[in-house]
Amino acid sequence: MKRVEFTDKITTLIRMMIDEGEKPIIDFVKRSDDEQNRLFKEGKSKCDGYKIRSAHQDGKAADIYFIDQNQLVPPKKGYDYWHEIWQDLMDGKPIIQWDQGHFE
């Protein structure tokens, strides 16, 4: 999926989330090599940013979290629900169980 197509699909997904009563926030869409490497060193990614690149480095992944009263919460409909829509309707990649907020 090219970056423009990813942007179109992720914004459609976000709009669907909002329309269905969720309160999504977007984090980490585009990362530099150094930022990716920092997250790898902190154990927050399996991609080191150099030998193994993250889709975030190409602007083709987004982390989506959900809030309620300014607190991070799980989505009302669950991450599996939103990843099924992402995968089935938007041709996105499947859920990563240890990083459920990641949409690629």
C-alpha atoms as a PDB file:
ATOM      1  CA  MET A   1       0.000   0.000   0.000  1.00  0.00           C
ATOM      2  CA  LYS A   2       1.379   3.409  -0.941  1.00  0.00           C
ATOM      3  CA  ARG A   3       1.456   6.274   1.535  1.00  0.00           C
ATOM      4  CA  VAL A   4      -1.402   8.252  -0.050  1.00  0.00           C
ATOM      5  CA  GLU A   5      -3.590   5.134  -0.076  1.00  0.00           C
ATOM      6  CA  PHE A   6      -2.674   4.407   3.556  1.00  0.00           C
ATOM      7  CA  THR A   7      -3.618   7.969   4.533  1.00  0.00           C
ATOM      8  CA  ASP A   8      -6.982   7.653   2.800  1.00  0.00           C
ATOM      9  CA  LYS A   9      -7.745   4.309   4.444  1.00  0.00           C
ATOM     10  CA  ILE A  10      -6.596   5.233   7.956  1.00  0.00           C
ATOM     11  CA  THR A  11      -8.667   8.432   7.891  1.00  0.00           C
ATOM     12  CA  THR A  12     -11.684   6.398   6.765  1.00  0.00           C
ATOM     13  CA  LEU A  13     -11.097   3.998   9.668  1.00  0.00           C
ATOM     14  CA  ILE A  14     -10.789   6.878  12.152  1.00  0.00           C
ATOM     15  CA  ARG A  15     -14.039   8.374  10.833  1.00  0.00           C
ATOM     16  CA  MET A  16     -15.769   4.994  11.255  1.00  0.00           C
ATOM     17  CA  MET A  17     -14.471   4.764  14.819  1.00  0.00           C
ATOM     18  CA  ILE A  18     -15.838   8.202  15.658  1.00  0.00           C
ATOM     19  CA  ASP A  19     -19.156   7.483  13.949  1.00  0.00           C
ATOM     20  CA  GLU A  20     -19.497   4.334  16.070  1.00  0.00           C
ATOM     21  CA  GLY A  21     -18.938   6.194  19.341  1.00  0.00           C
ATOM     22  CA  GLU A  22     -15.211   5.683  19.872  1.00  0.00           C
ATOM     23  CA  LYS A  23     -12.798   8.481  20.783  1.00  0.00           C
ATOM     24  CA  PRO A  24      -9.604   7.608  18.902  1.00  0.00           C
ATOM     25  CA  ILE A  25      -6.350   9.514  19.032  1.00  0.00           C
ATOM     26  CA  ILE A  26      -3.507   9.017  16.563  1.00  0.00           C
ATOM     27  CA  ASP A  27       0.099   8.602  17.617  1.00  0.00           C
ATOM     28  CA  PHE A  28       3.308   7.770  15.773  1.00  0.00           C
ATOM     29  CA  VAL A  29       2.457   7.963  12.106  1.00  0.00           C
ATOM     30  CA  LYS A  30       5.896   8.973  10.805  1.00  0.00           C
ATOM     31  CA  ARG A  31       9.165   8.165  12.555  1.00  0.00           C
ATOM     32  CA  SER A  32      12.781   8.969  11.780  1.00  0.00           C
ATOM     33  CA  ASP A  33      15.382   6.206  11.746  1.00  0.00           C
ATOM     34  CA  ASP A  34      16.791   7.496  15.042  1.00  0.00           C
ATOM     35  CA  GLU A  35      13.358   7.615  16.714  1.00  0.00           C
ATOM     36  CA  GLN A  36      12.648   4.069  15.565  1.00  0.00           C
ATOM     37  CA  ASN A  37      15.996   2.915  16.927  1.00  0.00           C
ATOM     38  CA  ARG A  38      15.286   4.581  20.283  1.00  0.00           C
ATOM     39  CA  LEU A  39      11.970   2.704  20.562  1.00  0.00           C
ATOM     40  CA  PHE A  40      13.761  -0.531  19.634  1.00  0.00           C
ATOM     41  CA  LYS A  41      16.364   0.036  22.361  1.00  0.00           C
ATOM     42  CA  GLU A  42      13.554   0.671  24.863  1.00  0.00           C
ATOM     43  CA  GLY A  43      11.976  -2.674  23.918  1.00  0.00           C
ATOM     44  CA  LYS A  44       8.914  -1.001  22.401  1.00  0.00           C
ATOM     45  CA  SER A  45       9.526  -2.249  18.859  1.00  0.00           C
ATOM     46  CA  LYS A  46      11.058  -5.242  17.150  1.00  0.00           C
ATOM     47  CA  CYS A  47      12.319  -3.039  14.300  1.00  0.00           C
ATOM     48  CA  ASP A  48      15.696  -1.390  14.869  1.00  0.00           C
ATOM     49  CA  GLY A  49      15.109   1.281  12.222  1.00  0.00           C
ATOM     50  CA  TYR A  50      18.175   0.400  10.185  1.00  0.00           C
ATOM     51  CA  LYS A  51      18.409  -3.304   9.352  1.00  0.00           C
ATOM     52  CA  ILE A  52      14.739  -3.908  10.078  1.00  0.00           C
ATOM     53  CA  ARG A  53      12.586  -0.918   9.160  1.00  0.00           C
ATOM     54  CA  SER A  54       9.165  -0.142  10.572  1.00  0.00           C
ATOM     55  CA  ALA A  55       6.245   0.862   8.343  1.00  0.00           C
ATOM     56  CA  HIS A  56       6.120   3.999  10.520  1.00  0.00           C
ATOM     57  CA  GLN A  57       9.377   5.130   8.926  1.00  0.00           C
ATOM     58  CA  ASP A  58       7.623   5.236   5.559  1.00  0.00           C
ATOM     59  CA  GLY A  59       4.455   6.840   6.928  1.00  0.00           C
ATOM     60  CA  LYS A  60       2.458   3.657   6.308  1.00  0.00           C
ATOM     61  CA  ALA A  61       1.505   2.774   9.883  1.00  0.00           C
ATOM     62  CA  ALA A  62      -0.281   4.561  12.694  1.00  0.00           C
ATOM     63  CA  ASP A  63      -0.779   3.805  16.345  1.00  0.00           C
ATOM     64  CA  ILE A  64      -4.365   4.435  17.398  1.00  0.00           C
ATOM     65  CA  TYR A  65      -5.348   4.712  21.042  1.00  0.00           C
ATOM     66  CA  PHE A  66      -8.646   5.549  22.676  1.00  0.00           C
ATOM     67  CA  ILE A  67      -9.558   7.988  25.416  1.00  0.00           C
ATOM     68  CA  ASP A  68     -12.401   8.488  27.848  1.00  0.00           C
ATOM     69  CA  GLN A  69     -12.319  11.457  30.216  1.00  0.00           C
ATOM     70  CA  ASN A  70      -8.671  12.094  29.260  1.00  0.00           C
ATOM     71  CA  GLN A  71      -7.625   8.545  30.213  1.00  0.00           C
ATOM     72  CA  LEU A  72      -6.352   5.897  27.817  1.00  0.00           C
ATOM     73  CA  VAL A  73      -8.881   3.058  27.616  1.00  0.00           C
ATOM     74  CA  PRO A  74      -9.469   0.040  25.385  1.00  0.00           C
ATOM     75  CA  PRO A  75     -11.822   0.690  22.484  1.00  0.00           C
ATOM     76  CA  LYS A  76     -15.476   0.084  23.338  1.00  0.00           C
ATOM     77  CA  LYS A  77     -15.794  -2.395  20.486  1.00  0.00           C
ATOM     78  CA  GLY A  78     -12.383  -3.960  21.118  1.00  0.00           C
ATOM     79  CA  TYR A  79      -9.169  -3.975  19.137  1.00  0.00           C
ATOM     80  CA  ASP A  80     -10.106  -7.213  17.372  1.00  0.00           C
ATOM     81  CA  TYR A  81     -13.244  -5.557  15.982  1.00  0.00           C
ATOM     82  CA  TRP A  82     -11.332  -2.601  14.554  1.00  0.00           C
ATOM     83  CA  HIS A  83      -8.535  -4.743  13.184  1.00  0.00           C
ATOM     84  CA  GLU A  84     -11.051  -6.986  11.413  1.00  0.00           C
ATOM     85  CA  ILE A  85     -12.478  -3.916   9.681  1.00  0.00           C
ATOM     86  CA  TRP A  86      -8.969  -2.667   8.912  1.00  0.00           C
ATOM     87  CA  GLN A  87      -7.962  -6.025   7.451  1.00  0.00           C
ATOM     88  CA  ASP A  88     -11.198  -6.968   5.665  1.00  0.00           C
ATOM     89  CA  LEU A  89     -12.375  -3.618   4.311  1.00  0.00           C
ATOM     90  CA  MET A  90      -9.145  -1.649   4.036  1.00  0.00           C
ATOM     91  CA  ASP A  91      -6.659  -4.409   3.093  1.00  0.00           C
ATOM     92  CA  GLY A  92      -4.598  -3.640   6.196  1.00  0.00           C
ATOM     93  CA  LYS A  93      -2.286  -6.054   7.947  1.00  0.00           C
ATOM     94  CA  PRO A  94      -3.551  -8.285  10.784  1.00  0.00           C
ATOM     95  CA  ILE A  95      -3.439  -7.333  14.445  1.00  0.00           C
ATOM     96  CA  ILE A  96      -0.149  -7.666  16.321  1.00  0.00           C
ATOM     97  CA  GLN A  97      -1.215  -9.033  19.689  1.00  0.00           C
ATOM     98  CA  TRP A  98       1.595  -7.380  21.654  1.00  0.00           C
ATOM     99  CA  ASP A  99       0.950  -4.019  19.876  1.00  0.00           C
ATOM    100  CA  GLN A 100      -2.810  -3.871  19.368  1.00  0.00           C
ATOM    101  CA  GLY A 101      -2.920  -0.121  18.714  1.00  0.00           C
ATOM    102  CA  HIS A 102      -0.693  -0.541  15.629  1.00  0.00           C
ATOM    103  CA  PHE A 103      -2.473  -0.303  12.271  1.00  0.00           C
ATOM    104  CA  GLU A 104      -0.376  -0.981   9.167  1.00  0.00           C
END
